[in-house]
N, C-alpha and C. Protein backbone atom coordinates (compact mmCIF):
# COMPACT_ATOMS: atom_id res chain seq x y z
N UNK A 1 -15.29 -0.11 -3.42
CA UNK A 1 -15.36 -1.06 -2.33
C UNK A 1 -14.90 -0.37 -1.05
N UNK A 2 -15.66 -0.56 0.00
CA UNK A 2 -15.28 -0.02 1.31
C UNK A 2 -14.10 -0.83 1.86
N UNK A 3 -13.34 -0.22 2.72
CA UNK A 3 -12.17 -0.89 3.28
C UNK A 3 -12.60 -2.10 4.12
N UNK A 4 -13.68 -1.96 4.88
CA UNK A 4 -14.18 -3.10 5.67
C UNK A 4 -14.53 -4.27 4.75
N UNK A 5 -15.12 -3.95 3.60
CA UNK A 5 -15.46 -4.99 2.63
C UNK A 5 -14.19 -5.62 2.07
N UNK A 6 -13.17 -4.81 1.80
CA UNK A 6 -11.89 -5.34 1.33
C UNK A 6 -11.31 -6.32 2.34
N UNK A 7 -11.35 -5.95 3.61
CA UNK A 7 -10.82 -6.84 4.64
C UNK A 7 -11.62 -8.14 4.70
N UNK A 8 -12.94 -8.05 4.59
CA UNK A 8 -13.78 -9.25 4.62
C UNK A 8 -13.55 -10.12 3.39
N UNK A 9 -13.46 -9.51 2.20
CA UNK A 9 -13.22 -10.27 0.97
C UNK A 9 -11.85 -10.94 0.99
N UNK A 10 -10.86 -10.25 1.52
CA UNK A 10 -9.53 -10.82 1.62
C UNK A 10 -9.55 -12.03 2.54
N UNK A 11 -10.22 -11.89 3.68
CA UNK A 11 -10.32 -12.99 4.62
C UNK A 11 -11.03 -14.19 4.00
N UNK A 12 -12.12 -13.94 3.29
CA UNK A 12 -12.85 -15.02 2.63
C UNK A 12 -11.99 -15.69 1.57
N UNK A 13 -11.24 -14.91 0.81
CA UNK A 13 -10.37 -15.47 -0.22
C UNK A 13 -9.30 -16.38 0.40
N UNK A 14 -8.68 -15.88 1.47
CA UNK A 14 -7.65 -16.67 2.15
C UNK A 14 -8.24 -18.00 2.61
N UNK A 15 -9.42 -17.96 3.21
CA UNK A 15 -10.04 -19.19 3.73
C UNK A 15 -10.45 -20.14 2.62
N UNK A 16 -10.84 -19.61 1.46
CA UNK A 16 -11.28 -20.47 0.37
C UNK A 16 -10.12 -20.98 -0.49
N UNK A 17 -9.18 -20.08 -0.83
CA UNK A 17 -8.13 -20.44 -1.77
C UNK A 17 -6.73 -20.51 -1.17
N UNK A 18 -6.51 -19.77 -0.11
CA UNK A 18 -5.17 -19.69 0.47
C UNK A 18 -4.92 -20.67 1.59
N UNK A 19 -5.94 -21.39 2.00
CA UNK A 19 -5.91 -22.36 3.09
C UNK A 19 -5.79 -21.66 4.45
N UNK A 20 -4.78 -20.83 4.63
CA UNK A 20 -4.59 -20.07 5.87
C UNK A 20 -3.66 -18.90 5.56
N UNK A 21 -3.63 -17.95 6.48
CA UNK A 21 -2.68 -16.84 6.35
C UNK A 21 -1.26 -17.37 6.59
N UNK A 22 -0.30 -16.83 5.84
CA UNK A 22 1.09 -17.05 6.22
C UNK A 22 1.30 -16.32 7.54
N UNK A 23 2.32 -16.68 8.29
CA UNK A 23 2.51 -15.96 9.55
C UNK A 23 2.86 -14.50 9.28
N UNK A 24 2.75 -13.70 10.30
CA UNK A 24 2.91 -12.25 10.16
C UNK A 24 4.27 -11.86 9.59
N UNK A 25 5.32 -12.52 10.05
CA UNK A 25 6.67 -12.18 9.57
C UNK A 25 6.84 -12.57 8.11
N UNK A 26 6.30 -13.71 7.71
CA UNK A 26 6.35 -14.11 6.30
C UNK A 26 5.59 -13.10 5.46
N UNK A 27 4.41 -12.70 5.91
CA UNK A 27 3.64 -11.70 5.16
C UNK A 27 4.36 -10.36 5.07
N UNK A 28 5.10 -10.01 6.12
CA UNK A 28 5.88 -8.77 6.07
C UNK A 28 6.94 -8.86 4.98
N UNK A 29 7.60 -10.01 4.88
CA UNK A 29 8.60 -10.21 3.84
C UNK A 29 7.95 -10.18 2.45
N UNK A 30 6.78 -10.80 2.32
CA UNK A 30 6.06 -10.78 1.04
C UNK A 30 5.67 -9.36 0.69
N UNK A 31 5.24 -8.57 1.69
CA UNK A 31 4.89 -7.17 1.44
C UNK A 31 6.08 -6.41 0.88
N UNK A 32 7.26 -6.61 1.46
CA UNK A 32 8.46 -5.93 0.98
C UNK A 32 8.79 -6.36 -0.46
N UNK A 33 8.57 -7.63 -0.76
CA UNK A 33 8.80 -8.12 -2.11
C UNK A 33 7.85 -7.43 -3.10
N UNK A 34 6.59 -7.32 -2.72
CA UNK A 34 5.60 -6.68 -3.60
C UNK A 34 5.91 -5.18 -3.77
N UNK A 35 6.31 -4.52 -2.69
CA UNK A 35 6.70 -3.11 -2.79
C UNK A 35 7.90 -2.97 -3.71
N UNK A 36 8.83 -3.90 -3.64
CA UNK A 36 9.99 -3.88 -4.52
C UNK A 36 9.61 -4.01 -5.98
N UNK A 37 8.64 -4.88 -6.27
CA UNK A 37 8.18 -5.03 -7.66
C UNK A 37 7.53 -3.73 -8.16
N UNK A 38 6.77 -3.09 -7.29
CA UNK A 38 6.16 -1.81 -7.65
C UNK A 38 7.24 -0.74 -7.84
N UNK A 39 8.23 -0.74 -6.96
CA UNK A 39 9.32 0.23 -7.05
C UNK A 39 10.11 0.07 -8.34
N UNK A 40 10.31 -1.16 -8.76
CA UNK A 40 11.05 -1.42 -10.00
C UNK A 40 10.34 -0.76 -11.18
N UNK A 41 9.03 -0.94 -11.26
CA UNK A 41 8.27 -0.32 -12.35
C UNK A 41 8.36 1.20 -12.26
N UNK A 42 8.18 1.74 -11.07
CA UNK A 42 8.22 3.20 -10.88
C UNK A 42 9.58 3.76 -11.29
N UNK A 43 10.66 3.11 -10.84
CA UNK A 43 12.01 3.60 -11.13
C UNK A 43 12.31 3.57 -12.62
N UNK A 44 11.82 2.55 -13.29
CA UNK A 44 12.12 2.41 -14.72
C UNK A 44 11.15 3.18 -15.61
N UNK A 45 9.93 3.30 -15.18
CA UNK A 45 8.94 3.98 -16.02
C UNK A 45 8.90 5.49 -15.76
N UNK A 46 9.09 5.89 -14.50
CA UNK A 46 8.97 7.31 -14.14
C UNK A 46 10.27 7.91 -13.63
N UNK A 47 11.24 7.06 -13.32
CA UNK A 47 12.52 7.53 -12.81
C UNK A 47 13.56 7.62 -13.91
N UNK A 48 14.79 7.61 -13.51
CA UNK A 48 15.89 7.82 -14.44
C UNK A 48 16.43 6.53 -15.06
N UNK A 49 16.02 5.39 -14.53
CA UNK A 49 16.48 4.13 -15.13
C UNK A 49 15.70 3.86 -16.41
N UNK A 50 16.36 3.21 -17.35
CA UNK A 50 15.66 2.85 -18.58
C UNK A 50 14.82 1.60 -18.32
N UNK A 51 13.70 1.55 -18.99
CA UNK A 51 12.79 0.42 -18.80
C UNK A 51 13.26 -0.75 -19.65
N UNK A 52 13.42 -1.90 -19.01
CA UNK A 52 13.82 -3.09 -19.74
C UNK A 52 12.63 -3.60 -20.54
N UNK A 53 12.91 -4.26 -21.61
CA UNK A 53 11.86 -4.82 -22.46
C UNK A 53 10.92 -5.71 -21.64
N UNK A 54 11.49 -6.49 -20.73
CA UNK A 54 10.69 -7.41 -19.91
C UNK A 54 9.78 -6.69 -18.92
N UNK A 55 10.06 -5.42 -18.64
CA UNK A 55 9.24 -4.65 -17.70
C UNK A 55 8.12 -3.87 -18.37
N UNK A 56 8.19 -3.71 -19.69
CA UNK A 56 7.25 -2.84 -20.39
C UNK A 56 5.80 -3.31 -20.30
N UNK A 57 5.58 -4.60 -20.18
CA UNK A 57 4.21 -5.11 -20.10
C UNK A 57 3.67 -5.19 -18.69
N UNK A 58 4.48 -4.83 -17.70
CA UNK A 58 4.06 -4.93 -16.30
C UNK A 58 2.98 -3.89 -16.00
N UNK A 59 2.01 -4.31 -15.23
CA UNK A 59 0.86 -3.48 -14.88
C UNK A 59 1.08 -2.87 -13.50
N UNK A 60 1.34 -1.57 -13.44
CA UNK A 60 1.60 -0.89 -12.18
C UNK A 60 0.41 -1.02 -11.23
N UNK A 61 -0.80 -0.90 -11.76
CA UNK A 61 -1.99 -1.04 -10.93
C UNK A 61 -2.08 -2.41 -10.29
N UNK A 62 -1.72 -3.44 -11.03
CA UNK A 62 -1.74 -4.80 -10.49
C UNK A 62 -0.73 -4.94 -9.36
N UNK A 63 0.44 -4.33 -9.52
CA UNK A 63 1.46 -4.38 -8.46
C UNK A 63 0.98 -3.63 -7.22
N UNK A 64 0.32 -2.49 -7.42
CA UNK A 64 -0.24 -1.76 -6.28
C UNK A 64 -1.29 -2.59 -5.56
N UNK A 65 -2.13 -3.29 -6.34
CA UNK A 65 -3.15 -4.15 -5.75
C UNK A 65 -2.52 -5.28 -4.94
N UNK A 66 -1.40 -5.82 -5.43
CA UNK A 66 -0.69 -6.86 -4.66
C UNK A 66 -0.24 -6.31 -3.31
N UNK A 67 0.27 -5.09 -3.30
CA UNK A 67 0.71 -4.45 -2.05
C UNK A 67 -0.47 -4.31 -1.10
N UNK A 68 -1.58 -3.81 -1.61
CA UNK A 68 -2.77 -3.61 -0.77
C UNK A 68 -3.29 -4.95 -0.25
N UNK A 69 -3.27 -5.99 -1.09
CA UNK A 69 -3.75 -7.30 -0.66
C UNK A 69 -2.93 -7.82 0.51
N UNK A 70 -1.62 -7.79 0.40
CA UNK A 70 -0.77 -8.33 1.46
C UNK A 70 -0.89 -7.46 2.72
N UNK A 71 -0.95 -6.15 2.56
CA UNK A 71 -1.14 -5.26 3.70
C UNK A 71 -2.46 -5.56 4.40
N UNK A 72 -3.49 -5.84 3.62
CA UNK A 72 -4.79 -6.19 4.17
C UNK A 72 -4.71 -7.52 4.93
N UNK A 73 -3.96 -8.47 4.40
CA UNK A 73 -3.75 -9.74 5.12
C UNK A 73 -3.12 -9.48 6.48
N UNK A 74 -2.10 -8.65 6.51
CA UNK A 74 -1.42 -8.35 7.77
C UNK A 74 -2.37 -7.66 8.74
N UNK A 75 -3.18 -6.75 8.24
CA UNK A 75 -4.16 -6.07 9.10
C UNK A 75 -5.14 -7.09 9.67
N UNK A 76 -5.64 -7.97 8.83
CA UNK A 76 -6.60 -8.98 9.30
C UNK A 76 -6.01 -9.87 10.38
N UNK A 77 -4.81 -10.34 10.17
CA UNK A 77 -4.25 -11.30 11.11
C UNK A 77 -3.74 -10.65 12.39
N UNK A 78 -3.60 -9.33 12.40
CA UNK A 78 -3.17 -8.63 13.61
C UNK A 78 -4.31 -7.87 14.28
N UNK A 79 -5.53 -8.03 13.72
CA UNK A 79 -6.71 -7.42 14.34
C UNK A 79 -6.84 -5.92 14.12
N UNK A 80 -6.27 -5.41 13.06
CA UNK A 80 -6.34 -3.97 12.77
C UNK A 80 -7.54 -3.70 11.87
N UNK A 81 -8.37 -2.76 12.28
CA UNK A 81 -9.46 -2.27 11.44
C UNK A 81 -8.86 -1.13 10.61
N UNK A 82 -8.54 -1.43 9.36
CA UNK A 82 -7.85 -0.44 8.51
C UNK A 82 -8.66 0.83 8.32
N UNK A 83 -9.97 0.69 8.21
CA UNK A 83 -10.81 1.87 8.03
C UNK A 83 -10.66 2.84 9.20
N UNK A 84 -10.70 2.29 10.40
CA UNK A 84 -10.54 3.11 11.61
C UNK A 84 -9.11 3.66 11.70
N UNK A 85 -8.12 2.84 11.38
CA UNK A 85 -6.73 3.28 11.43
C UNK A 85 -6.49 4.43 10.45
N UNK A 86 -7.06 4.33 9.27
CA UNK A 86 -6.88 5.39 8.27
C UNK A 86 -7.59 6.67 8.69
N UNK A 87 -8.80 6.52 9.27
CA UNK A 87 -9.52 7.70 9.76
C UNK A 87 -8.69 8.42 10.81
N UNK A 88 -8.16 7.68 11.78
CA UNK A 88 -7.33 8.29 12.83
C UNK A 88 -6.07 8.90 12.25
N UNK A 89 -5.49 8.26 11.23
CA UNK A 89 -4.27 8.76 10.61
C UNK A 89 -4.52 10.10 9.92
N UNK A 90 -5.67 10.22 9.24
CA UNK A 90 -6.02 11.49 8.61
C UNK A 90 -6.19 12.59 9.65
N UNK A 91 -6.82 12.26 10.77
CA UNK A 91 -6.99 13.24 11.85
C UNK A 91 -5.63 13.71 12.35
N UNK A 92 -4.72 12.76 12.57
CA UNK A 92 -3.37 13.10 13.04
C UNK A 92 -2.65 14.00 12.04
N UNK A 93 -2.70 13.62 10.76
CA UNK A 93 -2.02 14.41 9.73
C UNK A 93 -2.62 15.81 9.62
N UNK A 94 -3.93 15.89 9.73
CA UNK A 94 -4.60 17.19 9.61
C UNK A 94 -4.20 18.12 10.74
N UNK A 95 -4.15 17.60 11.95
CA UNK A 95 -3.71 18.43 13.09
C UNK A 95 -2.25 18.83 12.95
N UNK A 96 -1.41 17.86 12.66
CA UNK A 96 0.03 18.08 12.61
C UNK A 96 0.44 18.97 11.44
N UNK A 97 -0.20 18.77 10.29
CA UNK A 97 0.25 19.42 9.07
C UNK A 97 -0.73 20.46 8.53
N UNK A 98 -1.55 21.03 9.41
CA UNK A 98 -2.58 21.97 8.97
C UNK A 98 -2.01 23.07 8.07
N UNK A 99 -0.85 23.60 8.41
CA UNK A 99 -0.25 24.65 7.57
C UNK A 99 1.17 24.31 7.14
N UNK A 100 1.69 23.20 7.60
CA UNK A 100 3.09 22.84 7.33
C UNK A 100 3.43 22.87 5.84
N UNK A 101 2.63 22.23 5.03
CA UNK A 101 2.93 22.17 3.60
C UNK A 101 2.56 23.47 2.89
N UNK A 102 1.51 24.11 3.36
CA UNK A 102 1.12 25.40 2.78
C UNK A 102 2.21 26.45 2.99
N UNK A 103 2.91 26.35 4.12
CA UNK A 103 3.96 27.31 4.45
C UNK A 103 5.34 26.91 3.93
N UNK A 104 5.44 25.80 3.27
CA UNK A 104 6.74 25.31 2.79
C UNK A 104 7.07 25.97 1.47
N UNK A 105 8.07 26.84 1.49
CA UNK A 105 8.46 27.56 0.28
C UNK A 105 8.96 26.62 -0.81
N UNK A 106 9.49 25.46 -0.42
CA UNK A 106 9.95 24.48 -1.42
C UNK A 106 8.79 23.95 -2.24
N UNK A 107 7.58 24.00 -1.68
CA UNK A 107 6.40 23.53 -2.39
C UNK A 107 5.65 24.67 -3.08
N UNK A 108 6.18 25.86 -2.95
CA UNK A 108 5.54 27.02 -3.58
C UNK A 108 4.42 27.59 -2.74
N UNK A 109 4.41 27.25 -1.45
CA UNK A 109 3.38 27.75 -0.55
C UNK A 109 3.64 29.19 -0.15
N UNK A 110 2.75 29.71 0.67
CA UNK A 110 2.92 31.10 1.15
C UNK A 110 4.05 31.15 2.16
N UNK A 111 4.71 32.31 2.24
CA UNK A 111 5.80 32.43 3.20
C UNK A 111 5.53 33.59 4.10
């Protein structure tokens, strides 16, 4: 799915099932909640914390999708074209970090 399509599908879903967008600040709080749920799985499944029995059935992909959904809602309601923003972000990173990581000895790059 293209990002523009994701934004359009999210908007259509909100209008059909969600009634309206929550305000931007509420959505920001919801985004943090969703990131926290994803972080909990990551910390317990891939980090040093032990995984609780109640967490073992949690779907990491579903939690990531929740994060993307809420982020897409925020983009829609603030007029951000995520596809364009991501394209510009890659350009910025490419210019800024063209050799930064390659030259980082901590990453095993050339010195």
